């Protein structure tokens, strides 16, 4: 997130105070394809939030990650296919593959091959990726 670009964002430019609304952080994270915590850390580095607010939100993000990991484990004892694919390949790569399919550059079968998952799991992977954003 380049400093000038981030500071020029409407939500950042008009923001006053040191606390941030979750929707604003989520929107910035989606725009830059990074986590909310990464956005908040950058805002801290740029003096747009306080260390106390950053520490508080970071603790929330860590608790959320632990809860998400616990819920991802199915009754069979293993994580869902979407969790494994996103963990192995990363959200950026999966997003690019899905975008390639939506723009007609690659077939659904090629999406399956690139993600290393069966075709029937692609919608689940797409939903999990959308939920991360």
Protein backbone atom coordinates (compact mmCIF):
# COMPACT_ATOMS: atom_id res chain seq x y z
CA UNK A 1 0.00 0.00 0.00
CA UNK A 2 1.87 3.03 -1.20
CA UNK A 3 1.72 5.89 1.27
CA UNK A 4 0.44 8.52 -1.17
CA UNK A 5 -2.17 6.18 -2.62
CA UNK A 6 -3.50 5.11 0.77
CA UNK A 7 -3.62 8.66 2.11
CA UNK A 8 -5.52 9.75 -1.03
CA UNK A 9 -8.28 7.20 -0.43
CA UNK A 10 -11.53 9.03 0.39
CA UNK A 11 -12.11 7.10 3.64
CA UNK A 12 -8.58 7.84 4.83
CA UNK A 13 -8.42 11.46 3.69
CA UNK A 14 -11.63 12.46 5.44
CA UNK A 15 -10.99 10.38 8.59
CA UNK A 16 -10.47 12.10 11.90
CA UNK A 17 -9.58 10.47 15.19
CA UNK A 18 -7.64 7.32 15.97
CA UNK A 19 -10.34 4.64 15.89
CA UNK A 20 -11.61 3.10 12.66
CA UNK A 21 -14.93 1.57 11.70
CA UNK A 22 -14.73 -2.14 10.79
CA UNK A 23 -16.48 -1.49 7.46
CA UNK A 24 -13.88 1.11 6.48
CA UNK A 25 -11.01 -1.23 7.35
CA UNK A 26 -12.69 -4.10 5.52
CA UNK A 27 -13.21 -1.92 2.42
CA UNK A 28 -9.59 -0.79 2.36
CA UNK A 29 -8.41 -4.36 2.87
CA UNK A 30 -10.55 -5.48 -0.07
CA UNK A 31 -9.24 -2.64 -2.27
CA UNK A 32 -5.61 -3.57 -1.61
CA UNK A 33 -6.13 -7.36 -1.39
CA UNK A 34 -4.63 -7.51 2.08
CA UNK A 35 -5.98 -8.28 5.54
CA UNK A 36 -7.66 -5.73 7.78
CA UNK A 37 -4.74 -6.06 10.16
CA UNK A 38 -2.27 -5.12 7.43
CA UNK A 39 -4.33 -2.01 6.62
CA UNK A 40 -4.52 -1.07 10.28
CA UNK A 41 -0.77 -1.55 10.72
CA UNK A 42 -0.10 0.72 7.73
CA UNK A 43 -2.46 3.32 9.19
CA UNK A 44 -0.52 3.09 12.46
CA UNK A 45 2.77 3.59 10.61
CA UNK A 46 1.28 6.67 8.91
CA UNK A 47 0.02 8.14 12.20
CA UNK A 48 -3.66 7.67 11.31
CA UNK A 49 -4.47 5.51 14.35
CA UNK A 50 -3.15 4.97 17.85
CA UNK A 51 -1.03 2.09 19.10
CA UNK A 52 -3.73 1.29 21.70
CA UNK A 53 -6.42 0.96 19.00
CA UNK A 54 -4.10 -1.16 16.85
CA UNK A 55 -3.32 -3.52 19.75
CA UNK A 56 -7.03 -3.83 20.61
CA UNK A 57 -8.04 -4.62 17.00
CA UNK A 58 -5.11 -7.00 16.51
CA UNK A 59 -6.30 -9.03 19.49
CA UNK A 60 -9.78 -9.16 17.92
CA UNK A 61 -8.34 -10.34 14.60
CA UNK A 62 -6.34 -13.07 16.33
CA UNK A 63 -9.43 -14.28 18.19
CA UNK A 64 -11.40 -14.28 14.94
CA UNK A 65 -8.67 -16.33 13.21
CA UNK A 66 -8.68 -18.91 16.00
CA UNK A 67 -12.47 -19.19 15.84
CA UNK A 68 -12.40 -19.52 12.04
CA UNK A 69 -9.78 -22.25 12.19
CA UNK A 70 -11.80 -24.16 14.76
CA UNK A 71 -14.98 -23.96 12.69
CA UNK A 72 -13.15 -25.01 9.52
CA UNK A 73 -12.53 -28.47 10.87
CA UNK A 74 -15.29 -30.78 9.73
CA UNK A 75 -16.63 -33.71 11.70
CA UNK A 76 -14.38 -35.99 9.67
CA UNK A 77 -11.45 -34.32 11.37
CA UNK A 78 -9.99 -32.48 8.41
CA UNK A 79 -10.31 -28.96 7.11
CA UNK A 80 -12.68 -28.15 4.27
CA UNK A 81 -11.29 -28.28 0.73
CA UNK A 82 -11.67 -24.50 0.43
CA UNK A 83 -9.55 -23.93 3.54
CA UNK A 84 -6.81 -26.23 2.26
CA UNK A 85 -6.74 -24.67 -1.21
CA UNK A 86 -6.64 -21.10 0.11
CA UNK A 87 -3.96 -21.97 2.66
CA UNK A 88 -1.82 -23.76 0.08
CA UNK A 89 -2.18 -21.40 -2.89
CA UNK A 90 -3.08 -18.07 -1.28
CA UNK A 91 -6.02 -15.79 -1.91
CA UNK A 92 -4.31 -13.74 -4.63
CA UNK A 93 -3.59 -16.75 -6.84
CA UNK A 94 -7.05 -18.23 -6.34
CA UNK A 95 -8.62 -14.83 -7.10
CA UNK A 96 -6.60 -14.58 -10.35
CA UNK A 97 -7.60 -18.09 -11.43
CA UNK A 98 -11.28 -17.40 -10.76
CA UNK A 99 -11.04 -14.05 -12.57
CA UNK A 100 -9.46 -15.81 -15.54
CA UNK A 101 -12.48 -18.11 -15.70
CA UNK A 102 -15.02 -15.32 -15.28
CA UNK A 103 -13.39 -13.41 -18.17
CA UNK A 104 -13.44 -16.52 -20.35
CA UNK A 105 -9.68 -17.04 -20.52
CA UNK A 106 -9.73 -20.50 -18.93
CA UNK A 107 -12.30 -23.27 -18.63
CA UNK A 108 -13.92 -24.56 -15.46
CA UNK A 109 -11.88 -27.74 -15.85
CA UNK A 110 -8.67 -25.70 -16.02
CA UNK A 111 -9.73 -23.85 -12.87
CA UNK A 112 -10.08 -27.22 -11.18
CA UNK A 113 -6.63 -28.30 -12.36
CA UNK A 114 -4.94 -25.05 -11.31
CA UNK A 115 -6.52 -25.15 -7.85
CA UNK A 116 -5.89 -28.86 -7.39
CA UNK A 117 -9.50 -29.47 -6.45
CA UNK A 118 -12.47 -31.25 -7.98
CA UNK A 119 -14.86 -29.16 -10.07
CA UNK A 120 -17.60 -29.70 -7.48
CA UNK A 121 -15.46 -27.85 -4.88
CA UNK A 122 -14.85 -24.70 -6.97
CA UNK A 123 -18.06 -22.90 -5.82
CA UNK A 124 -17.12 -23.61 -2.20
CA UNK A 125 -13.62 -22.21 -2.80
CA UNK A 126 -15.10 -19.13 -4.46
CA UNK A 127 -17.48 -18.59 -1.52
CA UNK A 128 -14.65 -18.99 1.00
CA UNK A 129 -12.56 -16.47 -0.90
CA UNK A 130 -15.44 -13.98 -0.93
CA UNK A 131 -15.93 -14.49 2.80
CA UNK A 132 -12.27 -13.65 3.43
CA UNK A 133 -12.60 -10.28 1.75
